[in-house]
Amino acid sequence: MASNTACLRVLRHQAYCTPSRQHWSKTCTRIAKSIRNHRAFSITPSISAAQAVPETAPPSSAKSPEPPRKGPKHISPSVKLAAEVHKRAPTVTEPYIAYTVCGKLIKECAAQADYTIPQRYEKDGVIPKGPDGEEYGVGKGWWYEDLGLKATFNNWTQITFLHMYILTVRLRAFPPSHAPVWHQQLLDHFFYSAEDRMVREHNIAARSIRNNYLKDLFVQWRGLLAGYDEGLVKGDAVLAAAVWRNVFAAREDVDFRGLGQVVSYLRGVLKGLEGMGDEEIAKGDIVFGNPSSQRKLVEEKSGMMDTLPKVEDVEKMK
């Protein structure tokens, strides 16, 4: 009898000290859920199941694990970008962050060639128009005042597209799992802005007409991407031709110095964005300048000019 009582006492003691199977199951489930949630947007190494020991675990004779050794770690660009997104708003997903930041970036792109049509808001106001019936507005800045472009919807579109292209090239360097979201949000915000301008400045109330314009703008954007990409690869001459076709509408009376400034400006801004990290781009704190800063560089005489044959020599060769 005493022996049976002792055995029961031992069994009760073991049952009290040893966690039940249900307790272990709940603990593991809680740990796994915590790890899944933490991995969504975090660069902190997750805790392994072997290291996650509940407080009520029985004592073990095994030695405690050694602390991890400190040393340099390679953090992938994808994780860096995710960390920046998580830091800015840890409770939302990346598409919402991209939506907000790309809206900010599009405002910066559109502001480079912003314009208004004051006659639209005047009683009996007469809006000036060009030979093709395009409405002229009033704009300020280098593109209108120095380069001499008219403040029209088409010119606003092409200048905005130019800056959007600069951002698109930089967004291509984002990790493959992140870049498509940012590209789409950037393009969507442009169409929101363009449609709003059609209504606000040009009084295009019919949705069907606006949709036709937006479809045409999308075709222009696709062609622009191909032309500017080719220019970046093949050289400044090809890039200048693409800028001439789009920004200057292939006019014969183009200002070649202004064209050179735009090409130099495009490459310079791309070089500047290349030096910025993905997490900096993800903040959206980008402010564009204007091509006037490239004037001195463009007006410098190229060393290749001295290698060209002189006019007299060409005449003798004839």
Protein backbone atom coordinates (compact mmCIF):
# COMPACT_ATOMS: atom_id res chain seq x y z
CA MET A 1 0.00 0.00 0.00
CA ALA A 2 2.81 2.37 0.88
CA SER A 3 4.50 1.47 -2.38
CA ASN A 4 1.34 2.31 -4.39
CA THR A 5 0.98 5.63 -2.55
CA ALA A 6 4.58 6.55 -3.33
CA CYS A 7 4.08 5.69 -7.00
CA LEU A 8 0.97 7.89 -7.22
CA ARG A 9 2.85 10.75 -5.57
CA VAL A 10 5.68 10.46 -8.11
CA LEU A 11 3.25 10.38 -11.04
CA ARG A 12 1.44 13.48 -9.76
CA HIS A 13 4.77 15.30 -9.36
CA GLN A 14 5.81 14.42 -12.94
CA ALA A 15 2.46 15.52 -14.31
CA TYR A 16 2.84 18.87 -12.53
CA CYS A 17 6.41 19.50 -13.70
CA THR A 18 6.10 18.25 -17.30
CA PRO A 19 4.19 20.45 -19.79
CA SER A 20 1.24 18.77 -21.38
CA ARG A 21 1.13 17.98 -25.07
CA GLN A 22 -1.64 20.53 -25.53
CA HIS A 23 0.50 23.21 -23.89
CA TRP A 24 3.44 22.48 -26.21
CA SER A 25 1.14 22.54 -29.22
CA LYS A 26 -0.27 25.95 -28.29
CA THR A 27 3.22 27.30 -27.61
CA CYS A 28 4.61 26.12 -30.94
CA THR A 29 1.60 27.51 -32.77
CA ARG A 30 2.06 30.87 -31.07
CA ILE A 31 5.76 30.96 -31.96
CA ALA A 32 5.14 30.01 -35.58
CA LYS A 33 2.48 32.68 -35.92
CA SER A 34 4.79 35.27 -34.38
CA ILE A 35 7.59 34.35 -36.77
CA ARG A 36 5.30 34.52 -39.81
CA ASN A 37 4.03 37.96 -38.82
CA HIS A 38 7.51 39.19 -38.02
CA ARG A 39 9.01 38.04 -41.31
CA ALA A 40 6.59 40.09 -43.37
CA PHE A 41 8.64 43.30 -43.22
CA SER A 42 11.57 42.83 -40.86
CA ILE A 43 15.30 42.43 -41.14
CA THR A 44 15.67 41.00 -37.62
CA PRO A 45 16.74 37.33 -37.73
CA SER A 46 13.83 35.15 -36.66
CA ILE A 47 14.04 32.86 -33.64
CA SER A 48 14.34 29.18 -34.38
CA ALA A 49 11.97 26.69 -32.77
CA ALA A 50 14.89 25.12 -30.89
CA GLN A 51 15.69 28.44 -29.20
CA ALA A 52 12.09 29.25 -28.32
CA VAL A 53 11.73 27.46 -24.96
CA PRO A 54 8.55 28.12 -22.91
CA GLU A 55 8.85 29.37 -19.37
CA THR A 56 7.39 26.16 -17.91
CA ALA A 57 9.80 23.86 -19.73
CA PRO A 58 11.38 21.18 -17.53
CA PRO A 59 15.02 21.64 -16.55
CA SER A 60 17.50 20.05 -18.89
CA SER A 61 21.03 18.88 -18.34
CA ALA A 62 22.04 20.08 -21.80
CA LYS A 63 24.31 23.11 -22.00
CA SER A 64 22.71 26.40 -22.92
CA PRO A 65 23.39 27.44 -26.52
CA GLU A 66 26.23 29.86 -27.10
CA PRO A 67 25.26 33.38 -28.13
CA PRO A 68 25.58 34.03 -31.86
CA ARG A 69 28.87 35.48 -32.95
CA LYS A 70 28.80 39.07 -34.09
CA GLY A 71 30.12 39.84 -37.50
CA PRO A 72 29.31 41.58 -40.79
CA LYS A 73 26.08 40.42 -42.37
CA HIS A 74 24.99 40.76 -45.95
CA ILE A 75 21.46 42.14 -46.13
CA SER A 76 19.81 41.78 -49.50
CA PRO A 77 18.34 44.86 -51.25
CA SER A 78 14.90 43.26 -50.98
CA VAL A 79 15.18 43.08 -47.20
CA LYS A 80 16.48 46.67 -46.98
CA LEU A 81 13.56 47.95 -48.99
CA ALA A 82 11.12 45.92 -46.92
CA ALA A 83 12.65 47.32 -43.74
CA GLU A 84 12.15 50.89 -44.92
CA VAL A 85 8.55 50.17 -45.82
CA HIS A 86 7.99 48.50 -42.45
CA LYS A 87 9.54 51.44 -40.61
CA ARG A 88 7.30 53.95 -42.35
CA ALA A 89 4.06 52.07 -41.71
CA PRO A 90 4.41 48.65 -40.10
CA THR A 91 0.68 47.95 -40.10
CA VAL A 92 0.03 48.21 -43.83
CA THR A 93 1.25 46.32 -46.86
CA GLU A 94 3.65 47.54 -49.51
CA PRO A 95 1.09 48.44 -52.22
CA TYR A 96 -0.36 51.09 -49.94
CA ILE A 97 3.09 52.52 -49.27
CA ALA A 98 3.88 52.52 -52.99
CA TYR A 99 0.55 54.23 -53.65
CA THR A 100 1.34 57.07 -51.24
CA VAL A 101 4.97 57.56 -52.27
CA CYS A 102 4.28 57.36 -56.02
CA GLY A 103 1.54 59.96 -55.62
CA LYS A 104 4.15 62.24 -54.08
CA LEU A 105 6.64 61.49 -56.87
CA ILE A 106 4.12 62.21 -59.63
CA LYS A 107 3.32 65.59 -58.08
CA GLU A 108 7.02 66.41 -58.25
CA CYS A 109 7.22 65.27 -61.90
CA ALA A 110 4.11 67.22 -62.91
CA ALA A 111 5.27 70.38 -61.12
CA GLN A 112 8.22 70.77 -63.51
CA ALA A 113 5.92 71.99 -66.30
CA ASP A 114 2.84 73.08 -64.39
CA TYR A 115 0.54 75.61 -66.06
CA THR A 116 -2.90 77.15 -65.73
CA ILE A 117 -5.45 78.65 -68.12
CA PRO A 118 -6.67 81.76 -66.29
CA GLN A 119 -9.18 82.63 -69.03
CA ARG A 120 -11.06 79.48 -68.08
CA TYR A 121 -12.12 81.10 -64.84
CA GLU A 122 -12.96 84.50 -66.31
CA LYS A 123 -16.39 85.51 -67.48
CA ASP A 124 -16.42 85.64 -71.29
CA GLY A 125 -12.70 84.81 -71.24
CA VAL A 126 -11.14 83.90 -74.60
CA ILE A 127 -8.61 81.06 -74.41
CA PRO A 128 -5.73 81.44 -76.90
CA LYS A 129 -5.23 78.48 -79.22
CA GLY A 130 -2.58 77.30 -81.60
CA PRO A 131 -2.90 76.47 -85.31
CA ASP A 132 -4.01 72.94 -84.49
CA GLY A 133 -6.62 74.13 -81.99
CA GLU A 134 -4.59 73.26 -78.90
CA GLU A 135 -5.29 75.54 -75.94
CA TYR A 136 -2.44 77.67 -74.60
CA GLY A 137 -1.99 78.27 -70.89
CA VAL A 138 0.37 80.25 -68.71
CA GLY A 139 3.36 78.54 -67.15
CA LYS A 140 6.60 79.47 -65.44
CA GLY A 141 9.99 77.84 -65.17
CA TRP A 142 12.89 76.85 -67.40
CA TRP A 143 10.88 74.74 -69.80
CA TYR A 144 8.57 77.60 -70.74
CA GLU A 145 10.61 80.74 -70.09
CA ASP A 146 14.08 79.64 -71.22
CA LEU A 147 13.44 76.77 -73.61
CA GLY A 148 10.46 78.54 -75.17
CA LEU A 149 7.92 75.71 -75.13
CA LYS A 150 4.24 76.60 -75.10
CA ALA A 151 2.25 75.88 -71.94
CA THR A 152 0.02 73.18 -73.41
CA PHE A 153 -1.33 69.86 -72.24
CA ASN A 154 0.89 67.93 -74.68
CA ASN A 155 4.07 69.71 -73.55
CA TRP A 156 3.13 69.20 -69.90
CA THR A 157 2.65 65.51 -70.65
CA GLN A 158 6.01 65.06 -72.37
CA ILE A 159 7.96 66.90 -69.67
CA THR A 160 6.18 64.89 -66.98
CA PHE A 161 6.90 61.71 -68.95
CA LEU A 162 10.59 62.63 -69.10
CA HIS A 163 10.82 62.81 -65.31
CA MET A 164 8.67 59.70 -64.91
CA TYR A 165 11.12 57.88 -67.16
CA ILE A 166 14.00 58.91 -64.91
CA LEU A 167 12.17 57.44 -61.91
CA THR A 168 11.19 54.33 -63.86
CA VAL A 169 14.81 53.58 -64.70
CA ARG A 170 15.72 53.82 -61.01
CA LEU A 171 12.74 51.71 -59.93
CA ARG A 172 13.93 48.96 -62.26
CA ALA A 173 16.84 48.48 -59.84
CA PHE A 174 14.41 47.52 -57.07
CA PRO A 175 14.28 43.80 -56.22
CA PRO A 176 12.14 41.93 -58.79
CA SER A 177 9.47 41.15 -56.21
CA HIS A 178 8.99 44.87 -55.42
CA ALA A 179 9.55 46.77 -58.69
CA PRO A 180 6.26 45.91 -60.52
CA VAL A 181 4.12 47.38 -57.74
CA TRP A 182 5.99 50.69 -57.85
CA HIS A 183 5.94 50.88 -61.65
CA GLN A 184 2.19 50.36 -61.75
CA GLN A 185 1.45 52.85 -59.00
CA LEU A 186 3.61 55.50 -60.68
CA LEU A 187 1.77 55.08 -63.98
CA ASP A 188 -1.66 54.99 -62.33
CA HIS A 189 -1.01 58.25 -60.50
CA PHE A 190 0.00 59.94 -63.73
CA PHE A 191 -3.31 59.00 -65.35
CA TYR A 192 -5.20 60.29 -62.31
CA SER A 193 -3.33 63.59 -62.60
CA ALA A 194 -3.79 63.82 -66.38
CA GLU A 195 -7.53 63.17 -66.21
CA ASP A 196 -7.90 65.72 -63.43
CA ARG A 197 -6.12 68.32 -65.57
CA MET A 198 -8.38 67.56 -68.53
CA VAL A 199 -11.41 68.35 -66.41
CA ARG A 200 -10.02 71.25 -64.40
CA GLU A 201 -8.06 73.19 -67.03
CA HIS A 202 -9.63 72.07 -70.33
CA ASN A 203 -13.24 71.43 -69.29
CA ILE A 204 -13.40 68.00 -70.94
CA ALA A 205 -16.46 66.66 -69.15
CA ALA A 206 -17.24 63.66 -71.35
CA ARG A 207 -15.64 60.53 -69.91
CA SER A 208 -15.50 58.84 -73.32
CA ILE A 209 -13.35 61.68 -74.71
CA ARG A 210 -11.06 61.58 -71.69
CA ASN A 211 -10.67 57.81 -72.03
CA ASN A 212 -9.63 58.18 -75.67
CA TYR A 213 -7.00 60.74 -74.66
CA LEU A 214 -5.74 58.46 -71.88
CA LYS A 215 -5.41 55.52 -74.27
CA ASP A 216 -3.38 57.70 -76.62
CA LEU A 217 -1.17 58.81 -73.73
CA PHE A 218 -0.49 55.20 -72.80
CA VAL A 219 0.63 54.46 -76.36
CA GLN A 220 2.91 57.50 -76.25
CA TRP A 221 4.37 56.30 -72.94
CA ARG A 222 5.20 52.86 -74.35
CA GLY A 223 6.90 54.38 -77.38
CA LEU A 224 8.78 56.84 -75.20
CA LEU A 225 10.15 54.03 -73.03
CA ALA A 226 11.54 52.24 -76.06
CA GLY A 227 13.06 55.41 -77.54
CA TYR A 228 14.73 56.62 -74.35
CA ASP A 229 15.98 53.12 -73.48
CA GLU A 230 17.59 52.86 -76.89
CA GLY A 231 19.22 56.25 -76.40
CA LEU A 232 20.68 55.30 -73.02
CA VAL A 233 22.29 52.25 -74.59
CA LYS A 234 23.42 53.62 -77.96
CA GLY A 235 24.64 57.07 -76.93
CA ASP A 236 23.76 60.74 -76.65
CA ALA A 237 23.03 61.21 -80.35
CA VAL A 238 20.28 58.58 -80.29
CA LEU A 239 19.00 59.86 -76.94
CA ALA A 240 18.89 63.42 -78.30
CA ALA A 241 16.86 62.19 -81.27
CA ALA A 242 14.34 60.58 -78.91
CA VAL A 243 14.08 63.76 -76.81
CA TRP A 244 13.67 65.81 -80.01
CA ARG A 245 10.79 63.62 -81.20
CA ASN A 246 8.95 63.69 -77.87
CA VAL A 247 9.68 66.93 -76.01
CA PHE A 248 10.22 69.12 -79.10
CA ALA A 249 7.61 67.39 -81.28
CA ALA A 250 10.25 66.87 -84.01
CA ARG A 251 10.28 70.60 -84.86
CA GLU A 252 12.84 71.78 -87.40
CA ASP A 253 13.50 75.03 -85.53
CA VAL A 254 14.69 73.23 -82.42
CA ASP A 255 17.14 74.96 -80.06
CA PHE A 256 20.11 72.57 -80.21
CA ARG A 257 21.71 74.01 -77.09
CA GLY A 258 18.47 73.50 -75.20
CA LEU A 259 18.24 69.97 -76.58
CA GLY A 260 21.77 69.26 -75.40
CA GLN A 261 20.95 70.60 -71.95
CA VAL A 262 17.94 68.28 -71.66
CA VAL A 263 20.03 65.25 -72.66
CA SER A 264 22.80 66.16 -70.21
CA TYR A 265 20.23 66.82 -67.49
CA LEU A 266 18.58 63.44 -68.03
CA ARG A 267 21.86 61.56 -67.70
CA GLY A 268 22.96 63.64 -64.72
CA VAL A 269 19.78 62.99 -62.73
CA LEU A 270 19.98 59.28 -63.52
CA LYS A 271 23.54 59.27 -62.20
CA GLY A 272 22.42 61.01 -59.02
CA LEU A 273 19.59 58.55 -58.38
CA GLU A 274 21.97 55.66 -58.99
CA GLY A 275 23.92 56.71 -55.90
CA MET A 276 20.82 56.60 -53.68
CA GLY A 277 19.79 53.44 -51.86
CA ASP A 278 16.44 51.73 -52.39
CA GLU A 279 15.31 52.71 -48.91
CA GLU A 280 15.94 56.39 -49.75
CA ILE A 281 13.95 56.15 -52.97
CA ALA A 282 11.13 54.47 -51.03
CA LYS A 283 10.78 57.59 -48.89
CA GLY A 284 9.83 59.64 -51.96
CA ASP A 285 11.91 62.66 -50.92
CA ILE A 286 13.12 63.48 -54.44
CA VAL A 287 13.30 67.04 -55.75
CA PHE A 288 14.17 67.70 -59.39
CA GLY A 289 16.14 70.67 -60.61
CA ASN A 290 16.11 71.88 -64.21
CA PRO A 291 18.46 71.64 -67.21
CA SER A 292 19.76 75.19 -66.76
CA SER A 293 22.55 73.74 -64.61
CA GLN A 294 23.91 71.96 -67.69
CA ARG A 295 24.33 75.07 -69.85
CA LYS A 296 28.01 75.62 -69.10
CA LEU A 297 28.82 71.98 -69.75
CA VAL A 298 26.94 71.96 -73.06
CA GLU A 299 28.62 75.15 -74.30
CA GLU A 300 32.12 73.80 -73.69
CA LYS A 301 33.96 72.94 -76.88
CA SER A 302 34.37 69.23 -77.40
CA GLY A 303 37.85 67.88 -77.97
CA MET A 304 36.52 65.91 -80.91
CA MET A 305 35.94 69.18 -82.79
CA ASP A 306 39.67 69.52 -83.37
CA THR A 307 39.82 66.14 -85.07
CA LEU A 308 37.24 67.06 -87.73
CA PRO A 309 38.53 68.06 -91.18
CA LYS A 310 38.50 71.76 -91.96
CA VAL A 311 36.24 73.26 -94.60
CA GLU A 312 39.21 74.14 -96.80
CA ASP A 313 40.45 70.57 -96.74
CA VAL A 314 37.01 69.26 -97.67
CA GLU A 315 36.85 71.65 -100.62
CA LYS A 316 40.28 70.48 -101.85
CA MET A 317 39.14 66.85 -101.64
CA LYS A 318 36.29 67.64 -104.02
